[in-house]
Amino acid sequence: MSYLSPVEHAIRQAMKDGLFDNLPGEGKPLNLNGDYDPNTPEDQRMAYKIMQDNNIAPDWMMMRATLDQQQSRIRRELSKGFRAYKNTLRDADRHGDIGKRSRANRTWERLLVMFQDAIDQYNAYVLTYNLKVPPGLTQLPVMSLSRELSNIKE
């Protein structure tokens, strides 16, 4: 048997004694509205409640959703481009087509410039997001083309 702290022991004993049975709200979903969320700062609760009642999210939440979509798109397109590049190189090598290999390399270099631009735009948006996200919430890291390429190559 594993070690139980005194608190864990007391909780298990209370459960065994039925002290948690038939509590008010048992079996009902938690109410996590801004009025009751202990993580919502007191001075922002009313604003959050009004926003929630009108299906509006804070700016930083909408930014996060956009950033998640952008990051997924960049990663998906980079992976797709890298696979196409590698397949073209294999095909060129199989047929001994130096011209095709050279065109593939030039195309890949142009794509890398485009991906770097997309990542630079994403990172600028991340920095803005990180300035807006409330204290105590995790900030987003910036993307790196070299790190993304190494992840794809693995």
N, C-alpha and C. Protein backbone atom coordinates (compact mmCIF):
# COMPACT_ATOMS: atom_id res chain seq x y z
N MET A 1 0.85 -1.19 0.00
CA MET A 1 0.00 0.00 0.00
C MET A 1 0.89 1.24 0.00
N SER A 2 0.46 2.26 -0.75
CA SER A 2 1.25 3.48 -0.83
C SER A 2 1.00 4.36 0.40
N TYR A 3 1.92 5.29 0.61
CA TYR A 3 1.84 6.21 1.74
C TYR A 3 0.71 7.20 1.53
N LEU A 4 -0.08 7.45 2.53
CA LEU A 4 -1.13 8.47 2.49
C LEU A 4 -0.77 9.57 3.47
N SER A 5 -0.82 10.80 2.98
CA SER A 5 -0.58 11.93 3.88
C SER A 5 -1.75 12.00 4.86
N PRO A 6 -1.59 12.71 5.96
CA PRO A 6 -2.69 12.85 6.91
C PRO A 6 -3.95 13.44 6.27
N VAL A 7 -3.78 14.36 5.34
CA VAL A 7 -4.93 14.98 4.67
C VAL A 7 -5.65 13.93 3.80
N GLU A 8 -4.86 13.18 3.00
CA GLU A 8 -5.45 12.14 2.16
C GLU A 8 -6.17 11.09 3.02
N HIS A 9 -5.56 10.75 4.14
CA HIS A 9 -6.18 9.78 5.04
C HIS A 9 -7.52 10.30 5.58
N ALA A 10 -7.53 11.58 5.97
CA ALA A 10 -8.76 12.18 6.51
C ALA A 10 -9.85 12.24 5.44
N ILE A 11 -9.46 12.55 4.20
CA ILE A 11 -10.44 12.61 3.10
C ILE A 11 -11.02 11.22 2.85
N ARG A 12 -10.17 10.23 2.77
CA ARG A 12 -10.65 8.85 2.53
C ARG A 12 -11.56 8.37 3.67
N GLN A 13 -11.21 8.73 4.89
CA GLN A 13 -12.05 8.33 6.02
C GLN A 13 -13.41 9.02 5.94
N ALA A 14 -13.40 10.32 5.57
CA ALA A 14 -14.66 11.06 5.45
C ALA A 14 -15.52 10.47 4.33
N MET A 15 -14.90 10.05 3.24
CA MET A 15 -15.64 9.40 2.15
C MET A 15 -16.25 8.09 2.64
N LYS A 16 -15.44 7.32 3.37
CA LYS A 16 -15.91 6.04 3.89
C LYS A 16 -17.08 6.23 4.85
N ASP A 17 -17.02 7.31 5.65
CA ASP A 17 -18.08 7.60 6.62
C ASP A 17 -19.31 8.23 5.97
N GLY A 18 -19.23 8.54 4.66
CA GLY A 18 -20.37 9.10 3.94
C GLY A 18 -20.56 10.59 4.13
N LEU A 19 -19.53 11.29 4.58
CA LEU A 19 -19.67 12.72 4.81
C LEU A 19 -19.83 13.54 3.52
N PHE A 20 -19.48 12.96 2.39
CA PHE A 20 -19.60 13.66 1.11
C PHE A 20 -20.87 13.26 0.35
N ASP A 21 -21.66 12.41 0.93
CA ASP A 21 -22.90 11.97 0.28
C ASP A 21 -23.98 13.05 0.42
N ASN A 22 -24.81 13.17 -0.61
CA ASN A 22 -25.97 14.06 -0.61
C ASN A 22 -25.61 15.53 -0.34
N LEU A 23 -24.51 15.99 -0.88
CA LEU A 23 -24.15 17.40 -0.74
C LEU A 23 -24.96 18.23 -1.73
N PRO A 24 -25.23 19.51 -1.41
CA PRO A 24 -25.98 20.36 -2.34
C PRO A 24 -25.23 20.44 -3.68
N GLY A 25 -25.96 20.30 -4.79
CA GLY A 25 -25.36 20.38 -6.12
C GLY A 25 -24.72 19.09 -6.59
N GLU A 26 -24.84 18.02 -5.81
CA GLU A 26 -24.24 16.74 -6.19
C GLU A 26 -24.80 16.28 -7.53
N GLY A 27 -23.92 15.92 -8.45
CA GLY A 27 -24.32 15.41 -9.75
C GLY A 27 -24.67 16.50 -10.75
N LYS A 28 -24.55 17.76 -10.37
CA LYS A 28 -24.83 18.87 -11.27
C LYS A 28 -23.52 19.45 -11.75
N PRO A 29 -23.52 20.02 -12.99
CA PRO A 29 -22.27 20.62 -13.49
C PRO A 29 -21.87 21.83 -12.65
N LEU A 30 -20.55 22.07 -12.60
CA LEU A 30 -20.06 23.24 -11.89
C LEU A 30 -20.44 24.50 -12.63
N ASN A 31 -20.74 25.55 -11.91
CA ASN A 31 -21.03 26.84 -12.51
C ASN A 31 -19.71 27.61 -12.56
N LEU A 32 -19.13 27.72 -13.75
CA LEU A 32 -17.84 28.38 -13.89
C LEU A 32 -17.96 29.76 -14.50
N ASN A 33 -19.08 30.44 -14.28
CA ASN A 33 -19.25 31.80 -14.77
C ASN A 33 -18.24 32.71 -14.10
N GLY A 34 -18.00 33.86 -14.71
CA GLY A 34 -17.05 34.83 -14.16
C GLY A 34 -17.38 35.24 -12.75
N ASP A 35 -18.66 35.18 -12.38
CA ASP A 35 -19.07 35.55 -11.02
C ASP A 35 -18.45 34.62 -9.98
N TYR A 36 -18.22 33.37 -10.36
CA TYR A 36 -17.82 32.36 -9.39
C TYR A 36 -16.39 31.87 -9.59
N ASP A 37 -15.77 32.24 -10.70
CA ASP A 37 -14.43 31.76 -10.99
C ASP A 37 -13.43 32.47 -10.09
N PRO A 38 -12.77 31.74 -9.21
CA PRO A 38 -11.82 32.39 -8.29
C PRO A 38 -10.61 32.96 -9.01
N ASN A 39 -10.36 32.55 -10.27
CA ASN A 39 -9.21 33.06 -11.02
C ASN A 39 -9.51 34.37 -11.73
N THR A 40 -10.78 34.76 -11.79
CA THR A 40 -11.14 36.02 -12.43
C THR A 40 -10.93 37.15 -11.42
N PRO A 41 -10.09 38.13 -11.76
CA PRO A 41 -9.87 39.24 -10.83
C PRO A 41 -11.17 39.95 -10.49
N GLU A 42 -11.29 40.34 -9.26
CA GLU A 42 -12.52 40.98 -8.74
C GLU A 42 -12.94 42.16 -9.61
N ASP A 43 -11.99 42.98 -10.03
CA ASP A 43 -12.33 44.18 -10.80
C ASP A 43 -12.73 43.88 -12.24
N GLN A 44 -12.59 42.64 -12.69
CA GLN A 44 -12.94 42.28 -14.07
C GLN A 44 -14.15 41.36 -14.16
N ARG A 45 -14.70 40.96 -13.03
CA ARG A 45 -15.80 39.99 -13.04
C ARG A 45 -17.03 40.49 -13.77
N MET A 46 -17.42 41.74 -13.53
CA MET A 46 -18.61 42.25 -14.19
C MET A 46 -18.39 42.33 -15.70
N ALA A 47 -17.23 42.80 -16.12
CA ALA A 47 -16.94 42.90 -17.56
C ALA A 47 -16.97 41.51 -18.19
N TYR A 48 -16.38 40.53 -17.53
CA TYR A 48 -16.38 39.16 -18.05
C TYR A 48 -17.80 38.61 -18.12
N LYS A 49 -18.62 38.93 -17.14
CA LYS A 49 -20.00 38.45 -17.12
C LYS A 49 -20.78 39.05 -18.28
N ILE A 50 -20.61 40.34 -18.53
CA ILE A 50 -21.29 41.00 -19.66
C ILE A 50 -20.82 40.39 -20.98
N MET A 51 -19.53 40.17 -21.10
CA MET A 51 -18.99 39.57 -22.32
C MET A 51 -19.54 38.16 -22.52
N GLN A 52 -19.58 37.40 -21.43
CA GLN A 52 -20.07 36.02 -21.52
C GLN A 52 -21.55 36.00 -21.91
N ASP A 53 -22.33 36.88 -21.33
CA ASP A 53 -23.76 36.93 -21.63
C ASP A 53 -24.02 37.31 -23.09
N ASN A 54 -23.07 37.99 -23.72
CA ASN A 54 -23.23 38.44 -25.11
C ASN A 54 -22.34 37.66 -26.08
N ASN A 55 -21.82 36.51 -25.62
CA ASN A 55 -20.98 35.64 -26.45
C ASN A 55 -19.78 36.38 -27.06
N ILE A 56 -19.14 37.17 -26.23
CA ILE A 56 -17.95 37.91 -26.66
C ILE A 56 -16.78 37.41 -25.82
N ALA A 57 -15.65 37.19 -26.46
CA ALA A 57 -14.46 36.74 -25.74
C ALA A 57 -13.47 37.91 -25.65
N PRO A 58 -12.65 37.92 -24.60
CA PRO A 58 -11.61 38.96 -24.51
C PRO A 58 -10.69 38.89 -25.73
N ASP A 59 -10.12 40.02 -26.08
CA ASP A 59 -9.25 40.13 -27.25
C ASP A 59 -8.13 39.09 -27.24
N TRP A 60 -7.53 38.87 -26.08
CA TRP A 60 -6.39 37.95 -26.03
C TRP A 60 -6.83 36.51 -26.30
N MET A 61 -8.08 36.17 -25.95
CA MET A 61 -8.57 34.82 -26.24
C MET A 61 -8.78 34.63 -27.75
N MET A 62 -9.33 35.66 -28.38
CA MET A 62 -9.53 35.58 -29.83
C MET A 62 -8.18 35.54 -30.55
N MET A 63 -7.21 36.29 -30.03
CA MET A 63 -5.87 36.26 -30.61
C MET A 63 -5.27 34.87 -30.50
N ARG A 64 -5.47 34.23 -29.36
CA ARG A 64 -4.91 32.89 -29.15
C ARG A 64 -5.48 31.90 -30.16
N ALA A 65 -6.78 31.98 -30.40
CA ALA A 65 -7.40 31.08 -31.37
C ALA A 65 -6.81 31.31 -32.76
N THR A 66 -6.61 32.56 -33.13
CA THR A 66 -6.01 32.88 -34.43
C THR A 66 -4.58 32.38 -34.49
N LEU A 67 -3.83 32.56 -33.42
CA LEU A 67 -2.44 32.10 -33.39
C LEU A 67 -2.35 30.58 -33.50
N ASP A 68 -3.24 29.88 -32.82
CA ASP A 68 -3.23 28.42 -32.90
C ASP A 68 -3.49 27.96 -34.33
N GLN A 69 -4.43 28.63 -35.01
CA GLN A 69 -4.73 28.28 -36.40
C GLN A 69 -3.55 28.58 -37.31
N GLN A 70 -2.91 29.76 -37.11
CA GLN A 70 -1.75 30.12 -37.94
C GLN A 70 -0.61 29.14 -37.74
N GLN A 71 -0.33 28.80 -36.50
CA GLN A 71 0.76 27.87 -36.22
C GLN A 71 0.49 26.51 -36.87
N SER A 72 -0.72 26.02 -36.76
CA SER A 72 -1.07 24.74 -37.38
C SER A 72 -0.91 24.80 -38.89
N ARG A 73 -1.37 25.90 -39.48
CA ARG A 73 -1.27 26.05 -40.93
C ARG A 73 0.20 26.09 -41.37
N ILE A 74 1.03 26.86 -40.67
CA ILE A 74 2.44 26.95 -41.02
C ILE A 74 3.09 25.57 -40.92
N ARG A 75 2.84 24.87 -39.83
CA ARG A 75 3.44 23.55 -39.65
C ARG A 75 2.95 22.56 -40.71
N ARG A 76 1.67 22.59 -41.00
CA ARG A 76 1.11 21.68 -42.00
C ARG A 76 1.70 21.95 -43.39
N GLU A 77 1.76 23.22 -43.78
CA GLU A 77 2.28 23.58 -45.10
C GLU A 77 3.79 23.34 -45.20
N LEU A 78 4.51 23.61 -44.12
CA LEU A 78 5.95 23.35 -44.12
C LEU A 78 6.22 21.86 -44.28
N SER A 79 5.48 21.05 -43.56
CA SER A 79 5.63 19.60 -43.66
C SER A 79 5.30 19.10 -45.06
N LYS A 80 4.20 19.62 -45.62
CA LYS A 80 3.79 19.24 -46.96
C LYS A 80 4.86 19.65 -47.99
N GLY A 81 5.37 20.86 -47.86
CA GLY A 81 6.41 21.34 -48.78
C GLY A 81 7.69 20.53 -48.67
N PHE A 82 8.07 20.19 -47.44
CA PHE A 82 9.30 19.41 -47.24
C PHE A 82 9.16 18.02 -47.85
N ARG A 83 8.01 17.39 -47.65
CA ARG A 83 7.79 16.06 -48.25
C ARG A 83 7.85 16.12 -49.77
N ALA A 84 7.24 17.15 -50.35
CA ALA A 84 7.26 17.30 -51.81
C ALA A 84 8.69 17.52 -52.30
N TYR A 85 9.45 18.33 -51.58
CA TYR A 85 10.85 18.60 -51.94
C TYR A 85 11.66 17.30 -51.90
N LYS A 86 11.54 16.55 -50.82
CA LYS A 86 12.29 15.29 -50.69
C LYS A 86 11.88 14.29 -51.77
N ASN A 87 10.59 14.21 -52.06
CA ASN A 87 10.12 13.29 -53.12
C ASN A 87 10.67 13.69 -54.48
N THR A 88 10.71 14.99 -54.75
CA THR A 88 11.25 15.47 -56.02
C THR A 88 12.73 15.16 -56.12
N LEU A 89 13.47 15.34 -55.02
CA LEU A 89 14.90 15.01 -55.03
C LEU A 89 15.11 13.52 -55.29
N ARG A 90 14.33 12.68 -54.63
CA ARG A 90 14.45 11.23 -54.84
C ARG A 90 14.17 10.87 -56.29
N ASP A 91 13.13 11.48 -56.83
CA ASP A 91 12.76 11.21 -58.22
C ASP A 91 13.87 11.66 -59.17
N ALA A 92 14.43 12.85 -58.92
CA ALA A 92 15.51 13.37 -59.76
C ALA A 92 16.74 12.46 -59.68
N ASP A 93 17.06 11.99 -58.48
CA ASP A 93 18.22 11.10 -58.31
C ASP A 93 17.98 9.76 -58.99
N ARG A 94 16.77 9.27 -58.92
CA ARG A 94 16.43 7.99 -59.54
C ARG A 94 16.63 8.04 -61.06
N HIS A 95 16.29 9.20 -61.63
CA HIS A 95 16.39 9.35 -63.08
C HIS A 95 17.66 10.05 -63.52
N GLY A 96 18.50 10.42 -62.57
CA GLY A 96 19.74 11.12 -62.90
C GLY A 96 19.51 12.49 -63.52
N ASP A 97 18.42 13.13 -63.14
CA ASP A 97 18.03 14.42 -63.72
C ASP A 97 18.58 15.56 -62.86
N ILE A 98 19.75 16.07 -63.23
CA ILE A 98 20.41 17.14 -62.46
C ILE A 98 19.60 18.43 -62.55
N GLY A 99 19.00 18.69 -63.70
CA GLY A 99 18.19 19.90 -63.86
C GLY A 99 17.00 19.91 -62.92
N LYS A 100 16.35 18.77 -62.80
CA LYS A 100 15.20 18.67 -61.90
C LYS A 100 15.63 18.88 -60.45
N ARG A 101 16.78 18.33 -60.09
CA ARG A 101 17.31 18.49 -58.74
C ARG A 101 17.60 19.97 -58.46
N SER A 102 18.20 20.62 -59.44
CA SER A 102 18.55 22.03 -59.29
C SER A 102 17.28 22.89 -59.15
N ARG A 103 16.26 22.62 -59.96
CA ARG A 103 14.99 23.35 -59.87
C ARG A 103 14.32 23.11 -58.51
N ALA A 104 14.38 21.88 -58.04
CA ALA A 104 13.79 21.55 -56.74
C ALA A 104 14.49 22.33 -55.62
N ASN A 105 15.81 22.42 -55.69
CA ASN A 105 16.56 23.16 -54.66
C ASN A 105 16.22 24.65 -54.70
N ARG A 106 16.11 25.23 -55.90
CA ARG A 106 15.76 26.65 -56.00
C ARG A 106 14.34 26.90 -55.48
N THR A 107 13.43 26.00 -55.82
CA THR A 107 12.04 26.13 -55.34
C THR A 107 11.99 26.02 -53.83
N TRP A 108 12.73 25.07 -53.26
CA TRP A 108 12.75 24.89 -51.81
C TRP A 108 13.31 26.13 -51.12
N GLU A 109 14.36 26.73 -51.69
CA GLU A 109 14.95 27.94 -51.10
C GLU A 109 13.92 29.09 -51.12
N ARG A 110 13.17 29.22 -52.21
CA ARG A 110 12.13 30.26 -52.26
C ARG A 110 11.04 29.98 -51.22
N LEU A 111 10.67 28.71 -51.08
CA LEU A 111 9.67 28.34 -50.08
C LEU A 111 10.15 28.66 -48.66
N LEU A 112 11.41 28.40 -48.39
CA LEU A 112 11.95 28.68 -47.06
C LEU A 112 11.87 30.17 -46.74
N VAL A 113 12.12 31.02 -47.74
CA VAL A 113 11.99 32.47 -47.53
C VAL A 113 10.54 32.82 -47.21
N MET A 114 9.61 32.21 -47.94
CA MET A 114 8.19 32.46 -47.67
C MET A 114 7.79 31.97 -46.28
N PHE A 115 8.28 30.79 -45.89
CA PHE A 115 7.95 30.27 -44.56
C PHE A 115 8.56 31.15 -43.47
N GLN A 116 9.77 31.65 -43.71
CA GLN A 116 10.39 32.54 -42.71
C GLN A 116 9.57 33.81 -42.56
N ASP A 117 9.07 34.35 -43.67
CA ASP A 117 8.20 35.54 -43.59
C ASP A 117 6.93 35.24 -42.80
N ALA A 118 6.32 34.09 -43.06
CA ALA A 118 5.10 33.71 -42.33
C ALA A 118 5.39 33.55 -40.85
N ILE A 119 6.52 32.96 -40.52
CA ILE A 119 6.90 32.77 -39.11
C ILE A 119 7.20 34.12 -38.46
N ASP A 120 7.84 35.03 -39.19
CA ASP A 120 8.12 36.36 -38.65
C ASP A 120 6.81 37.10 -38.33
N GLN A 121 5.83 36.99 -39.23
CA GLN A 121 4.52 37.62 -38.98
C GLN A 121 3.85 36.97 -37.77
N TYR A 122 3.90 35.66 -37.71
CA TYR A 122 3.32 34.92 -36.58
C TYR A 122 3.99 35.39 -35.27
N ASN A 123 5.31 35.46 -35.26
CA ASN A 123 6.04 35.85 -34.05
C ASN A 123 5.71 37.27 -33.60
N ALA A 124 5.51 38.18 -34.56
CA ALA A 124 5.11 39.55 -34.19
C ALA A 124 3.75 39.53 -33.50
N TYR A 125 2.84 38.70 -33.99
CA TYR A 125 1.51 38.57 -33.40
C TYR A 125 1.60 37.91 -32.02
N VAL A 126 2.53 36.95 -31.88
CA VAL A 126 2.75 36.31 -30.57
C VAL A 126 3.22 37.33 -29.55
N LEU A 127 4.12 38.21 -29.94
CA LEU A 127 4.62 39.21 -29.00
C LEU A 127 3.48 40.13 -28.54
N THR A 128 2.59 40.50 -29.46
CA THR A 128 1.44 41.31 -29.09
C THR A 128 0.52 40.54 -28.14
N TYR A 129 0.28 39.27 -28.48
CA TYR A 129 -0.55 38.42 -27.62
C TYR A 129 0.06 38.34 -26.21
N ASN A 130 1.36 38.10 -26.13
CA ASN A 130 2.01 37.94 -24.83
C ASN A 130 1.91 39.21 -23.98
N LEU A 131 1.81 40.37 -24.63
CA LEU A 131 1.62 41.62 -23.88
C LEU A 131 0.19 41.75 -23.36
N LYS A 132 -0.76 41.13 -24.05
CA LYS A 132 -2.17 41.25 -23.68
C LYS A 132 -2.66 40.17 -22.72
N VAL A 133 -2.03 39.00 -22.73
CA VAL A 133 -2.51 37.90 -21.90
C VAL A 133 -2.39 38.29 -20.42
N PRO A 134 -3.40 38.01 -19.63
CA PRO A 134 -3.37 38.40 -18.21
C PRO A 134 -2.19 37.74 -17.47
N PRO A 135 -1.69 38.42 -16.46
CA PRO A 135 -0.59 37.85 -15.67
C PRO A 135 -1.01 36.51 -15.08
N GLY A 136 -0.07 35.61 -15.02
CA GLY A 136 -0.33 34.29 -14.45
C GLY A 136 -0.72 33.25 -15.48
N LEU A 137 -1.08 33.68 -16.68
CA LEU A 137 -1.39 32.74 -17.75
C LEU A 137 -0.15 32.54 -18.61
N THR A 138 -0.04 31.36 -19.17
CA THR A 138 1.14 31.00 -19.94
C THR A 138 1.21 31.82 -21.23
N GLN A 139 2.39 32.37 -21.46
CA GLN A 139 2.63 33.09 -22.70
C GLN A 139 3.08 32.11 -23.77
N LEU A 140 2.90 32.48 -25.02
CA LEU A 140 3.29 31.61 -26.13
C LEU A 140 4.74 31.83 -26.51
N PRO A 141 5.43 30.75 -26.84
CA PRO A 141 6.81 30.91 -27.35
C PRO A 141 6.75 31.28 -28.83
N VAL A 142 7.80 31.91 -29.31
CA VAL A 142 7.88 32.22 -30.74
C VAL A 142 8.29 30.97 -31.51
N MET A 143 8.01 30.97 -32.79
CA MET A 143 8.39 29.85 -33.66
C MET A 143 9.77 30.13 -34.25
N SER A 144 10.46 29.05 -34.58
CA SER A 144 11.76 29.13 -35.23
C SER A 144 11.74 28.20 -36.44
N LEU A 145 12.10 28.71 -37.60
CA LEU A 145 12.10 27.89 -38.80
C LEU A 145 13.05 26.71 -38.66
N SER A 146 14.22 26.94 -38.11
CA SER A 146 15.18 25.83 -37.96
C SER A 146 14.65 24.76 -37.01
N ARG A 147 13.99 25.18 -35.94
CA ARG A 147 13.43 24.21 -34.99
C ARG A 147 12.28 23.43 -35.64
N GLU A 148 11.44 24.12 -36.40
CA GLU A 148 10.34 23.46 -37.08
C GLU A 148 10.86 22.45 -38.11
N LEU A 149 11.90 22.83 -38.85
CA LEU A 149 12.48 21.91 -39.83
C LEU A 149 13.09 20.70 -39.16
N SER A 150 13.76 20.90 -38.03
CA SER A 150 14.35 19.74 -37.36
C SER A 150 13.26 18.81 -36.82
N ASN A 151 12.13 19.36 -36.40
CA ASN A 151 11.01 18.51 -35.95
C ASN A 151 10.44 17.70 -37.10
N ILE A 152 10.36 18.31 -38.28
CA ILE A 152 9.82 17.62 -39.44
C ILE A 152 10.77 16.51 -39.89
N LYS A 153 12.06 16.77 -39.83
CA LYS A 153 13.05 15.80 -40.31
C LYS A 153 13.17 14.58 -39.42
N GLU A 154 12.72 14.69 -38.17
CA GLU A 154 12.85 13.56 -37.24
C GLU A 154 11.87 12.46 -37.53
